[in-house]
Amino acid sequence: MGLSTHVLDTMHGCPAAGMEVSLFSTHGDEATLIQRLVLNRDGRTDAPLFDNASLRAGTYRLTFGVAAYFKSRGVELPEPCFLDRVSIDFGVAHADQHYHVPLLVSPWSYSTYRGS
């Protein structure tokens, strides 16, 4: 399955449908955009970010448009908001394994882990 992600909105207790996500490859301080997409009604991508054949060992970044998502849900956020974008930098050491990078998020906090 390669690389996948999903987002759960812990403020509303539901998937973060409509949240924008960007995937970058990283090399030191440089980041190269690979793709930008919007999460479906289940808070997931419609297809894996990388399948098994195209995932390569290396470092990557997922950036999630948290503030824009919550504003689109009608949540009043202070300016500047506490969390605007959440970026997760992670490494893929074994390209033959599945890497799942979920995000649990509210306007005030987030957590992630390597899922299955």
PDB file of N, CA and C in Angstrom:
ATOM      1  N   MET A   1       0.823  -1.192   0.000  1.00  0.00           N
ATOM      2  CA  MET A   1       0.000   0.000   0.000  1.00  0.00           C
ATOM      3  C   MET A   1       0.865   1.253   0.000  1.00  0.00           C
ATOM      4  N   GLY A   2       2.126   1.228   0.356  1.00  0.00           N
ATOM      5  CA  GLY A   2       3.002   2.386   0.253  1.00  0.00           C
ATOM      6  C   GLY A   2       2.852   3.386   1.375  1.00  0.00           C
ATOM      7  N   LEU A   3       2.311   4.568   1.055  1.00  0.00           N
ATOM      8  CA  LEU A   3       2.152   5.652   2.018  1.00  0.00           C
ATOM      9  C   LEU A   3       0.719   6.150   1.983  1.00  0.00           C
ATOM     10  N   SER A   4       0.126   6.280   3.169  1.00  0.00           N
ATOM     11  CA  SER A   4      -1.240   6.792   3.271  1.00  0.00           C
ATOM     12  C   SER A   4      -1.367   7.688   4.485  1.00  0.00           C
ATOM     13  N   THR A   5      -2.468   8.440   4.539  1.00  0.00           N
ATOM     14  CA  THR A   5      -2.759   9.311   5.672  1.00  0.00           C
ATOM     15  C   THR A   5      -4.262   9.408   5.850  1.00  0.00           C
ATOM     16  N   HIS A   6      -4.672   9.827   7.004  1.00  0.00           N
ATOM     17  CA  HIS A   6      -6.057  10.232   7.235  1.00  0.00           C
ATOM     18  C   HIS A   6      -6.064  11.205   8.393  1.00  0.00           C
ATOM     19  N   VAL A   7      -7.141  11.984   8.511  1.00  0.00           N
ATOM     20  CA  VAL A   7      -7.235  13.003   9.556  1.00  0.00           C
ATOM     21  C   VAL A   7      -8.568  12.865  10.269  1.00  0.00           C
ATOM     22  N   LEU A   8      -8.496  12.874  11.589  1.00  0.00           N
ATOM     23  CA  LEU A   8      -9.694  12.887  12.426  1.00  0.00           C
ATOM     24  C   LEU A   8      -9.795  14.232  13.135  1.00  0.00           C
ATOM     25  N   ASP A   9     -10.937  14.852  13.021  1.00  0.00           N
ATOM     26  CA  ASP A   9     -11.267  16.115  13.673  1.00  0.00           C
ATOM     27  C   ASP A   9     -11.748  15.768  15.077  1.00  0.00           C
ATOM     28  N   THR A  10     -10.891  15.983  16.081  1.00  0.00           N
ATOM     29  CA  THR A  10     -11.246  15.603  17.452  1.00  0.00           C
ATOM     30  C   THR A  10     -12.168  16.624  18.117  1.00  0.00           C
ATOM     31  N   MET A  11     -12.299  17.816  17.541  1.00  0.00           N
ATOM     32  CA  MET A  11     -13.237  18.815  18.080  1.00  0.00           C
ATOM     33  C   MET A  11     -14.677  18.389  17.798  1.00  0.00           C
ATOM     34  N   HIS A  12     -14.922  17.897  16.589  1.00  0.00           N
ATOM     35  CA  HIS A  12     -16.275  17.528  16.187  1.00  0.00           C
ATOM     36  C   HIS A  12     -16.511  16.021  16.220  1.00  0.00           C
ATOM     37  N   GLY A  13     -15.441  15.248  16.446  1.00  0.00           N
ATOM     38  CA  GLY A  13     -15.593  13.793  16.515  1.00  0.00           C
ATOM     39  C   GLY A  13     -15.929  13.155  15.180  1.00  0.00           C
ATOM     40  N   CYS A  14     -15.237  13.605  14.112  1.00  0.00           N
ATOM     41  CA  CYS A  14     -15.544  13.084  12.780  1.00  0.00           C
ATOM     42  C   CYS A  14     -14.304  13.167  11.885  1.00  0.00           C
ATOM     43  N   PRO A  15     -14.355  12.516  10.727  1.00  0.00           N
ATOM     44  CA  PRO A  15     -13.258  12.668   9.766  1.00  0.00           C
ATOM     45  C   PRO A  15     -13.174  14.122   9.296  1.00  0.00           C
ATOM     46  N   ALA A  16     -11.977  14.559   8.937  1.00  0.00           N
ATOM     47  CA  ALA A  16     -11.751  15.944   8.496  1.00  0.00           C
ATOM     48  C   ALA A  16     -11.942  16.049   6.985  1.00  0.00           C
ATOM     49  N   ALA A  17     -13.162  15.821   6.531  1.00  0.00           N
ATOM     50  CA  ALA A  17     -13.492  15.894   5.109  1.00  0.00           C
ATOM     51  C   ALA A  17     -13.240  17.304   4.585  1.00  0.00           C
ATOM     52  N   GLY A  18     -12.567  17.389   3.453  1.00  0.00           N
ATOM     53  CA  GLY A  18     -12.313  18.682   2.830  1.00  0.00           C
ATOM     54  C   GLY A  18     -11.019  19.350   3.242  1.00  0.00           C
ATOM     55  N   MET A  19     -10.255  18.761   4.167  1.00  0.00           N
ATOM     56  CA  MET A  19      -8.984  19.369   4.568  1.00  0.00           C
ATOM     57  C   MET A  19      -7.958  19.216   3.445  1.00  0.00           C
ATOM     58  N   GLU A  20      -7.214  20.292   3.194  1.00  0.00           N
ATOM     59  CA  GLU A  20      -6.151  20.248   2.190  1.00  0.00           C
ATOM     60  C   GLU A  20      -4.886  19.649   2.801  1.00  0.00           C
ATOM     61  N   VAL A  21      -4.215  18.800   2.022  1.00  0.00           N
ATOM     62  CA  VAL A  21      -2.971  18.157   2.447  1.00  0.00           C
ATOM     63  C   VAL A  21      -1.955  18.289   1.322  1.00  0.00           C
ATOM     64  N   SER A  22      -0.717  18.591   1.688  1.00  0.00           N
ATOM     65  CA  SER A  22       0.372  18.644   0.718  1.00  0.00           C
ATOM     66  C   SER A  22       1.453  17.655   1.134  1.00  0.00           C
ATOM     67  N   LEU A  23       1.992  16.946   0.154  1.00  0.00           N
ATOM     68  CA  LEU A  23       3.072  15.992   0.376  1.00  0.00           C
ATOM     69  C   LEU A  23       4.327  16.522  -0.302  1.00  0.00           C
ATOM     70  N   PHE A  24       5.425  16.554   0.454  1.00  0.00           N
ATOM     71  CA  PHE A  24       6.720  17.012  -0.045  1.00  0.00           C
ATOM     72  C   PHE A  24       7.759  15.925   0.173  1.00  0.00           C
ATOM     73  N   SER A  25       8.756  15.875  -0.691  1.00  0.00           N
ATOM     74  CA  SER A  25       9.975  15.147  -0.369  1.00  0.00           C
ATOM     75  C   SER A  25      10.925  16.195   0.209  1.00  0.00           C
ATOM     76  N   THR A  26      11.762  15.801   1.159  1.00  0.00           N
ATOM     77  CA  THR A  26      12.659  16.753   1.801  1.00  0.00           C
ATOM     78  C   THR A  26      14.095  16.276   1.702  1.00  0.00           C
ATOM     79  N   HIS A  27      14.975  17.249   1.598  1.00  0.00           N
ATOM     80  CA  HIS A  27      16.418  17.002   1.593  1.00  0.00           C
ATOM     81  C   HIS A  27      17.032  18.147   2.377  1.00  0.00           C
ATOM     82  N   GLY A  28      17.372  17.900   3.650  1.00  0.00           N
ATOM     83  CA  GLY A  28      17.850  18.974   4.508  1.00  0.00           C
ATOM     84  C   GLY A  28      16.751  20.012   4.684  1.00  0.00           C
ATOM     85  N   ASP A  29      17.056  21.262   4.395  1.00  0.00           N
ATOM     86  CA  ASP A  29      16.075  22.342   4.530  1.00  0.00           C
ATOM     87  C   ASP A  29      15.212  22.527   3.284  1.00  0.00           C
ATOM     88  N   GLU A  30      15.493  21.796   2.225  1.00  0.00           N
ATOM     89  CA  GLU A  30      14.738  21.938   0.980  1.00  0.00           C
ATOM     90  C   GLU A  30      13.563  20.975   0.949  1.00  0.00           C
ATOM     91  N   ALA A  31      12.422  21.480   0.472  1.00  0.00           N
ATOM     92  CA  ALA A  31      11.228  20.652   0.331  1.00  0.00           C
ATOM     93  C   ALA A  31      10.694  20.818  -1.089  1.00  0.00           C
ATOM     94  N   THR A  32      10.377  19.694  -1.729  1.00  0.00           N
ATOM     95  CA  THR A  32       9.854  19.696  -3.084  1.00  0.00           C
ATOM     96  C   THR A  32       8.436  19.141  -3.062  1.00  0.00           C
ATOM     97  N   LEU A  33       7.487  19.946  -3.545  1.00  0.00           N
ATOM     98  CA  LEU A  33       6.091  19.511  -3.569  1.00  0.00           C
ATOM     99  C   LEU A  33       5.928  18.329  -4.515  1.00  0.00           C
ATOM    100  N   ILE A  34       5.306  17.270  -4.013  1.00  0.00           N
ATOM    101  CA  ILE A  34       4.995  16.098  -4.830  1.00  0.00           C
ATOM    102  C   ILE A  34       3.547  16.161  -5.288  1.00  0.00           C
ATOM    103  N   GLN A  35       2.651  16.433  -4.329  1.00  0.00           N
ATOM    104  CA  GLN A  35       1.241  16.575  -4.675  1.00  0.00           C
ATOM    105  C   GLN A  35       0.478  17.318  -3.591  1.00  0.00           C
ATOM    106  N   ARG A  36      -0.613  17.921  -4.016  1.00  0.00           N
ATOM    107  CA  ARG A  36      -1.532  18.617  -3.107  1.00  0.00           C
ATOM    108  C   ARG A  36      -2.909  18.025  -3.380  1.00  0.00           C
ATOM    109  N   LEU A  37      -3.662  17.731  -2.328  1.00  0.00           N
ATOM    110  CA  LEU A  37      -4.967  17.113  -2.497  1.00  0.00           C
ATOM    111  C   LEU A  37      -5.912  17.520  -1.378  1.00  0.00           C
ATOM    112  N   VAL A  38      -7.158  17.130  -1.523  1.00  0.00           N
ATOM    113  CA  VAL A  38      -8.191  17.408  -0.531  1.00  0.00           C
ATOM    114  C   VAL A  38      -8.738  16.072  -0.049  1.00  0.00           C
ATOM    115  N   LEU A  39      -8.894  15.944   1.272  1.00  0.00           N
ATOM    116  CA  LEU A  39      -9.367  14.686   1.852  1.00  0.00           C
ATOM    117  C   LEU A  39     -10.844  14.450   1.537  1.00  0.00           C
ATOM    118  N   ASN A  40     -11.199  13.193   1.336  1.00  0.00           N
ATOM    119  CA  ASN A  40     -12.582  12.829   1.014  1.00  0.00           C
ATOM    120  C   ASN A  40     -13.460  12.818   2.270  1.00  0.00           C
ATOM    121  N   ARG A  41     -14.706  12.393   2.127  1.00  0.00           N
ATOM    122  CA  ARG A  41     -15.672  12.458   3.238  1.00  0.00           C
ATOM    123  C   ARG A  41     -15.289  11.573   4.415  1.00  0.00           C
ATOM    124  N   ASP A  42     -14.359  10.623   4.177  1.00  0.00           N
ATOM    125  CA  ASP A  42     -13.870   9.757   5.244  1.00  0.00           C
ATOM    126  C   ASP A  42     -12.575  10.294   5.852  1.00  0.00           C
ATOM    127  N   GLY A  43     -12.163  11.521   5.447  1.00  0.00           N
ATOM    128  CA  GLY A  43     -10.937  12.109   5.967  1.00  0.00           C
ATOM    129  C   GLY A  43      -9.686  11.433   5.437  1.00  0.00           C
ATOM    130  N   ARG A  44      -9.812  10.772   4.290  1.00  0.00           N
ATOM    131  CA  ARG A  44      -8.702  10.031   3.691  1.00  0.00           C
ATOM    132  C   ARG A  44      -8.471  10.503   2.265  1.00  0.00           C
ATOM    133  N   THR A  45      -7.355  10.078   1.709  1.00  0.00           N
ATOM    134  CA  THR A  45      -7.098  10.326   0.296  1.00  0.00           C
ATOM    135  C   THR A  45      -7.839   9.255  -0.506  1.00  0.00           C
ATOM    136  N   ASP A  46      -8.184   9.573  -1.746  1.00  0.00           N
ATOM    137  CA  ASP A  46      -8.896   8.605  -2.577  1.00  0.00           C
ATOM    138  C   ASP A  46      -8.002   7.454  -3.020  1.00  0.00           C
ATOM    139  N   ALA A  47      -6.701   7.687  -3.037  1.00  0.00           N
ATOM    140  CA  ALA A  47      -5.728   6.662  -3.403  1.00  0.00           C
ATOM    141  C   ALA A  47      -4.509   6.853  -2.507  1.00  0.00           C
ATOM    142  N   PRO A  48      -3.668   5.836  -2.368  1.00  0.00           N
ATOM    143  CA  PRO A  48      -2.458   6.025  -1.565  1.00  0.00           C
ATOM    144  C   PRO A  48      -1.619   7.187  -2.102  1.00  0.00           C
ATOM    145  N   LEU A  49      -0.903   7.862  -1.220  1.00  0.00           N
ATOM    146  CA  LEU A  49       0.000   8.934  -1.639  1.00  0.00           C
ATOM    147  C   LEU A  49       1.128   8.359  -2.494  1.00  0.00           C
ATOM    148  N   PHE A  50       1.595   7.189  -2.110  1.00  0.00           N
ATOM    149  CA  PHE A  50       2.532   6.392  -2.906  1.00  0.00           C
ATOM    150  C   PHE A  50       2.059   4.953  -2.824  1.00  0.00           C
ATOM    151  N   ASP A  51       2.118   4.229  -3.928  1.00  0.00           N
ATOM    152  CA  ASP A  51       1.868   2.793  -3.850  1.00  0.00           C
ATOM    153  C   ASP A  51       3.198   2.093  -3.571  1.00  0.00           C
ATOM    154  N   ASN A  52       3.162   0.779  -3.395  1.00  0.00           N
ATOM    155  CA  ASN A  52       4.389   0.037  -3.070  1.00  0.00           C
ATOM    156  C   ASN A  52       5.466   0.200  -4.119  1.00  0.00           C
ATOM    157  N   ALA A  53       5.090   0.302  -5.373  1.00  0.00           N
ATOM    158  CA  ALA A  53       6.072   0.384  -6.452  1.00  0.00           C
ATOM    159  C   ALA A  53       6.772   1.735  -6.512  1.00  0.00           C
ATOM    160  N   SER A  54       6.121   2.812  -6.047  1.00  0.00           N
ATOM    161  CA  SER A  54       6.712   4.147  -6.193  1.00  0.00           C
ATOM    162  C   SER A  54       7.283   4.735  -4.900  1.00  0.00           C
ATOM    163  N   LEU A  55       6.981   4.143  -3.753  1.00  0.00           N
ATOM    164  CA  LEU A  55       7.537   4.647  -2.491  1.00  0.00           C
ATOM    165  C   LEU A  55       9.032   4.366  -2.437  1.00  0.00           C
ATOM    166  N   ARG A  56       9.799   5.371  -2.063  1.00  0.00           N
ATOM    167  CA  ARG A  56      11.248   5.247  -1.952  1.00  0.00           C
ATOM    168  C   ARG A  56      11.683   5.617  -0.542  1.00  0.00           C
ATOM    169  N   ALA A  57      12.773   5.022  -0.091  1.00  0.00           N
ATOM    170  CA  ALA A  57      13.352   5.414   1.192  1.00  0.00           C
ATOM    171  C   ALA A  57      13.746   6.884   1.094  1.00  0.00           C
ATOM    172  N   GLY A  58      13.583   7.602   2.193  1.00  0.00           N
ATOM    173  CA  GLY A  58      13.938   9.016   2.212  1.00  0.00           C
ATOM    174  C   GLY A  58      13.132   9.761   3.250  1.00  0.00           C
ATOM    175  N   THR A  59      13.190  11.076   3.168  1.00  0.00           N
ATOM    176  CA  THR A  59      12.467  11.902   4.134  1.00  0.00           C
ATOM    177  C   THR A  59      11.374  12.680   3.414  1.00  0.00           C
ATOM    178  N   TYR A  60      10.262  12.858   4.131  1.00  0.00           N
ATOM    179  CA  TYR A  60       9.066  13.452   3.563  1.00  0.00           C
ATOM    180  C   TYR A  60       8.416  14.399   4.573  1.00  0.00           C
ATOM    181  N   ARG A  61       7.497  15.202   4.070  1.00  0.00           N
ATOM    182  CA  ARG A  61       6.709  16.108   4.919  1.00  0.00           C
ATOM    183  C   ARG A  61       5.270  16.085   4.433  1.00  0.00           C
ATOM    184  N   LEU A  62       4.358  15.928   5.368  1.00  0.00           N
ATOM    185  CA  LEU A  62       2.936  16.125   5.108  1.00  0.00           C
ATOM    186  C   LEU A  62       2.531  17.424   5.794  1.00  0.00           C
ATOM    187  N   THR A  63       1.864  18.315   5.074  1.00  0.00           N
ATOM    188  CA  THR A  63       1.396  19.577   5.638  1.00  0.00           C
ATOM    189  C   THR A  63      -0.119  19.625   5.500  1.00  0.00           C
ATOM    190  N   PHE A  64      -0.773  19.856   6.624  1.00  0.00           N
ATOM    191  CA  PHE A  64      -2.231  19.824   6.707  1.00  0.00           C
ATOM    192  C   PHE A  64      -2.765  21.238   6.943  1.00  0.00           C
ATOM    193  N   GLY A  65      -3.764  21.650   6.178  1.00  0.00           N
ATOM    194  CA  GLY A  65      -4.370  22.980   6.311  1.00  0.00           C
ATOM    195  C   GLY A  65      -5.406  23.006   7.423  1.00  0.00           C
ATOM    196  N   VAL A  66      -4.942  23.052   8.650  1.00  0.00           N
ATOM    197  CA  VAL A  66      -5.799  22.922   9.827  1.00  0.00           C
ATOM    198  C   VAL A  66      -6.715  24.134  10.012  1.00  0.00           C
ATOM    199  N   ALA A  67      -6.178  25.343  10.026  1.00  0.00           N
ATOM    200  CA  ALA A  67      -7.003  26.531  10.274  1.00  0.00           C
ATOM    201  C   ALA A  67      -8.064  26.701   9.191  1.00  0.00           C
ATOM    202  N   ALA A  68      -7.678  26.552   7.944  1.00  0.00           N
ATOM    203  CA  ALA A  68      -8.653  26.698   6.848  1.00  0.00           C
ATOM    204  C   ALA A  68      -9.784  25.685   6.994  1.00  0.00           C
ATOM    205  N   TYR A  69      -9.444  24.470   7.385  1.00  0.00           N
ATOM    206  CA  TYR A  69     -10.467  23.444   7.586  1.00  0.00           C
ATOM    207  C   TYR A  69     -11.448  23.854   8.683  1.00  0.00           C
ATOM    208  N   PHE A  70     -10.920  24.246   9.851  1.00  0.00           N
ATOM    209  CA  PHE A  70     -11.823  24.593  10.954  1.00  0.00           C
ATOM    210  C   PHE A  70     -12.633  25.847  10.641  1.00  0.00           C
ATOM    211  N   LYS A  71     -12.045  26.805   9.965  1.00  0.00           N
ATOM    212  CA  LYS A  71     -12.802  27.991   9.552  1.00  0.00           C
ATOM    213  C   LYS A  71     -13.931  27.600   8.606  1.00  0.00           C
ATOM    214  N   SER A  72     -13.676  26.649   7.716  1.00  0.00           N
ATOM    215  CA  SER A  72     -14.719  26.204   6.792  1.00  0.00           C
ATOM    216  C   SER A  72     -15.858  25.499   7.524  1.00  0.00           C
ATOM    217  N   ARG A  73     -15.581  25.000   8.729  1.00  0.00           N
ATOM    218  CA  ARG A  73     -16.608  24.368   9.566  1.00  0.00           C
ATOM    219  C   ARG A  73     -17.323  25.379  10.449  1.00  0.00           C
ATOM    220  N   GLY A  74     -16.964  26.661  10.321  1.00  0.00           N
ATOM    221  CA  GLY A  74     -17.628  27.707  11.097  1.00  0.00           C
ATOM    222  C   GLY A  74     -17.029  27.957  12.464  1.00  0.00           C
ATOM    223  N   VAL A  75     -15.866  27.405  12.735  1.00  0.00           N
ATOM    224  CA  VAL A  75     -15.210  27.610  14.027  1.00  0.00           C
ATOM    225  C   VAL A  75     -14.550  28.999  14.018  1.00  0.00           C
ATOM    226  N   GLU A  76     -14.857  29.806  15.014  1.00  0.00           N
ATOM    227  CA  GLU A  76     -14.227  31.118  15.141  1.00  0.00           C
ATOM    228  C   GLU A  76     -12.863  30.939  15.791  1.00  0.00           C
ATOM    229  N   LEU A  77     -11.826  31.319  15.059  1.00  0.00           N
ATOM    230  CA  LEU A  77     -10.456  31.192  15.544  1.00  0.00           C
ATOM    231  C   LEU A  77      -9.864  32.572  15.761  1.00  0.00           C
ATOM    232  N   PRO A  78      -8.992  32.726  16.756  1.00  0.00           N
ATOM    233  CA  PRO A  78      -8.325  34.012  16.952  1.00  0.00           C
ATOM    234  C   PRO A  78      -7.344  34.272  15.809  1.00  0.00           C
ATOM    235  N   GLU A  79      -6.990  35.528  15.618  1.00  0.00           N
ATOM    236  CA  GLU A  79      -5.975  35.888  14.622  1.00  0.00           C
ATOM    237  C   GLU A  79      -4.767  36.448  15.335  1.00  0.00           C
ATOM    238  N   PRO A  80      -3.592  35.910  15.189  1.00  0.00           N
ATOM    239  CA  PRO A  80      -3.369  34.696  14.410  1.00  0.00           C
ATOM    240  C   PRO A  80      -3.883  33.472  15.159  1.00  0.00           C
ATOM    241  N   CYS A  81      -4.242  32.466  14.403  1.00  0.00           N
ATOM    242  CA  CYS A  81      -4.751  31.246  15.034  1.00  0.00           C
ATOM    243  C   CYS A  81      -3.586  30.459  15.640  1.00  0.00           C
ATOM    244  N   PHE A  82      -3.906  29.633  16.605  1.00  0.00           N
ATOM    245  CA  PHE A  82      -2.870  28.857  17.291  1.00  0.00           C
ATOM    246  C   PHE A  82      -2.211  27.865  16.335  1.00  0.00           C
ATOM    247  N   LEU A  83      -3.017  27.082  15.610  1.00  0.00           N
ATOM    248  CA  LEU A  83      -2.489  26.148  14.614  1.00  0.00           C
ATOM    249  C   LEU A  83      -3.024  26.556  13.248  1.00  0.00           C
ATOM    250  N   ASP A  84      -2.136  26.976  12.372  1.00  0.00           N
ATOM    251  CA  ASP A  84      -2.541  27.311  11.011  1.00  0.00           C
ATOM    252  C   ASP A  84      -2.358  26.083  10.122  1.00  0.00           C
ATOM    253  N   ARG A  85      -1.135  25.655   9.984  1.00  0.00           N
ATOM    254  CA  ARG A  85      -0.801  24.440   9.245  1.00  0.00           C
ATOM    255  C   ARG A  85      -0.003  23.537  10.180  1.00  0.00           C
ATOM    256  N   VAL A  86      -0.256  22.262  10.093  1.00  0.00           N
ATOM    257  CA  VAL A  86       0.516  21.281  10.854  1.00  0.00           C
ATOM    258  C   VAL A  86       1.366  20.506   9.856  1.00  0.00           C
ATOM    259  N   SER A  87       2.667  20.520  10.080  1.00  0.00           N
ATOM    260  CA  SER A  87       3.600  19.779   9.230  1.00  0.00           C
ATOM    261  C   SER A  87       4.211  18.639  10.022  1.00  0.00           C
ATOM    262  N   ILE A  88       4.230  17.489   9.403  1.00  0.00           N
ATOM    263  CA  ILE A  88       4.832  16.300  10.013  1.00  0.00           C
ATOM    264  C   ILE A  88       5.973  15.850   9.112  1.00  0.00           C
ATOM    265  N   ASP A  89       7.187  15.925   9.622  1.00  0.00           N
ATOM    266  CA  ASP A  89       8.359  15.437   8.913  1.00  0.00           C
ATOM    267  C   ASP A  89       8.625  14.009   9.383  1.00  0.00           C
ATOM    268  N   PHE A  90       8.811  13.105   8.434  1.00  0.00           N
ATOM    269  CA  PHE A  90       9.014  11.704   8.791  1.00  0.00           C
ATOM    270  C   PHE A  90       9.931  11.039   7.784  1.00  0.00           C
ATOM    271  N   GLY A  91      10.490   9.926   8.188  1.00  0.00           N
ATOM    272  CA  GLY A  91      11.396   9.183   7.332  1.00  0.00           C
ATOM    273  C   GLY A  91      10.836   7.831   6.963  1.00  0.00           C
ATOM    274  N   VAL A  92      11.144   7.407   5.756  1.00  0.00           N
ATOM    275  CA  VAL A  92      10.802   6.071   5.270  1.00  0.00           C
ATOM    276  C   VAL A  92      12.120   5.317   5.133  1.00  0.00           C
ATOM    277  N   ALA A  93      12.329   4.364   6.023  1.00  0.00           N
ATOM    278  CA  ALA A  93      13.560   3.579   5.998  1.00  0.00           C
ATOM    279  C   ALA A  93      13.407   2.308   5.173  1.00  0.00           C
ATOM    280  N   HIS A  94      12.203   1.761   5.143  1.00  0.00           N
ATOM    281  CA  HIS A  94      11.954   0.480   4.475  1.00  0.00           C
ATOM    282  C   HIS A  94      10.819   0.662   3.473  1.00  0.00           C
ATOM    283  N   ALA A  95      11.159   0.957   2.238  1.00  0.00           N
ATOM    284  CA  ALA A  95      10.159   1.259   1.213  1.00  0.00           C
ATOM    285  C   ALA A  95       9.263   0.070   0.890  1.00  0.00           C
ATOM    286  N   ASP A  96       9.634  -1.125   1.332  1.00  0.00           N
ATOM    287  CA  ASP A  96       8.799  -2.303   1.087  1.00  0.00           C
ATOM    288  C   ASP A  96       7.711  -2.465   2.150  1.00  0.00           C
ATOM    289  N   GLN A  97       7.688  -1.590   3.160  1.00  0.00           N
ATOM    290  CA  GLN A  97       6.673  -1.633   4.209  1.00  0.00           C
ATOM    291  C   GLN A  97       5.622  -0.552   3.969  1.00  0.00           C
ATOM    292  N   HIS A  98       4.478  -0.710   4.609  1.00  0.00           N
ATOM    293  CA  HIS A  98       3.426   0.307   4.522  1.00  0.00           C
ATOM    294  C   HIS A  98       3.663   1.359   5.596  1.00  0.00           C
ATOM    295  N   TYR A  99       3.579   2.618   5.222  1.00  0.00           N
ATOM    296  CA  TYR A  99       3.685   3.737   6.155  1.00  0.00           C
ATOM    297  C   TYR A  99       2.361   4.478   6.145  1.00  0.00           C
ATOM    298  N   HIS A 100       1.722   4.551   7.300  1.00  0.00           N
ATOM    299  CA  HIS A 100       0.461   5.280   7.443  1.00  0.00           C
ATOM    300  C   HIS A 100       0.706   6.381   8.467  1.00  0.00           C
ATOM    301  N   VAL A 101       0.408   7.635   8.091  1.00  0.00           N
ATOM    302  CA  VAL A 101       0.681   8.791   8.948  1.00  0.00           C
ATOM    303  C   VAL A 101      -0.639   9.501   9.232  1.00  0.00           C
ATOM    304  N   PRO A 102      -1.336   9.110  10.301  1.00  0.00           N
ATOM    305  CA  PRO A 102      -2.600   9.753  10.643  1.00  0.00           C
ATOM    306  C   PRO A 102      -2.376  11.028  11.469  1.00  0.00           C
ATOM    307  N   LEU A 103      -3.372  11.896  11.437  1.00  0.00           N
ATOM    308  CA  LEU A 103      -3.357  13.120  12.241  1.00  0.00           C
ATOM    309  C   LEU A 103      -4.670  13.208  12.986  1.00  0.00           C
ATOM    310  N   LEU A 104      -4.585  13.399  14.295  1.00  0.00           N
ATOM    311  CA  LEU A 104      -5.748  13.690  15.126  1.00  0.00           C
ATOM    312  C   LEU A 104      -5.602  15.149  15.522  1.00  0.00           C
ATOM    313  N   VAL A 105      -6.606  15.991  15.234  1.00  0.00           N
ATOM    314  CA  VAL A 105      -6.396  17.428  15.352  1.00  0.00           C
ATOM    315  C   VAL A 105      -7.636  18.181  15.812  1.00  0.00           C
ATOM    316  N   SER A 106      -7.388  19.232  16.572  1.00  0.00           N
ATOM    317  CA  SER A 106      -8.387  20.239  16.939  1.00  0.00           C
ATOM    318  C   SER A 106      -7.728  21.588  16.665  1.00  0.00           C
ATOM    319  N   PRO A 107      -8.420  22.697  16.864  1.00  0.00           N
ATOM    320  CA  PRO A 107      -7.758  23.991  16.665  1.00  0.00           C
ATOM    321  C   PRO A 107      -6.634  24.259  17.667  1.00  0.00           C
ATOM    322  N   TRP A 108      -6.552  23.431  18.721  1.00  0.00           N
ATOM    323  CA  TRP A 108      -5.618  23.713  19.817  1.00  0.00           C
ATOM    324  C   TRP A 108      -4.571  22.643  20.042  1.00  0.00           C
ATOM    325  N   SER A 109      -4.705  21.482  19.389  1.00  0.00           N
ATOM    326  CA  SER A 109      -3.738  20.406  19.640  1.00  0.00           C
ATOM    327  C   SER A 109      -3.775  19.401  18.489  1.00  0.00           C
ATOM    328  N   TYR A 110      -2.713  18.594  18.429  1.00  0.00           N
ATOM    329  CA  TYR A 110      -2.679  17.501  17.454  1.00  0.00           C
ATOM    330  C   TYR A 110      -1.766  16.406  17.946  1.00  0.00           C
ATOM    331  N   SER A 111      -1.960  15.213  17.380  1.00  0.00           N
ATOM    332  CA  SER A 111      -1.062  14.098  17.638  1.00  0.00           C
ATOM    333  C   SER A 111      -1.006  13.239  16.384  1.00  0.00           C
ATOM    334  N   THR A 112       0.068  12.477  16.300  1.00  0.00           N
ATOM    335  CA  THR A 112       0.261  11.577  15.173  1.00  0.00           C
ATOM    336  C   THR A 112       1.017  10.354  15.656  1.00  0.00           C
ATOM    337  N   TYR A 113       1.115   9.368  14.803  1.00  0.00           N
ATOM    338  CA  TYR A 113       1.841   8.143  15.112  1.00  0.00           C
ATOM    339  C   TYR A 113       2.051   7.399  13.796  1.00  0.00           C
ATOM    340  N   ARG A 114       2.878   6.387  13.803  1.00  0.00           N
ATOM    341  CA  ARG A 114       2.986   5.546  12.622  1.00  0.00           C
ATOM    342  C   ARG A 114       1.926   4.465  12.731  1.00  0.00           C
ATOM    343  N   GLY A 115       0.940   4.560  11.883  1.00  0.00           N
ATOM    344  CA  GLY A 115      -0.154   3.595  11.897  1.00  0.00           C
ATOM    345  C   GLY A 115       0.159   2.391  11.034  1.00  0.00           C
ATOM    346  N   SER A 116      -0.823   1.539  10.897  1.00  0.00           N
ATOM    347  CA  SER A 116      -0.644   0.329  10.095  1.00  0.00           C
ATOM    348  C   SER A 116      -1.531   0.363   8.867  1.00  0.00           C
TER     349      SER A 116
END
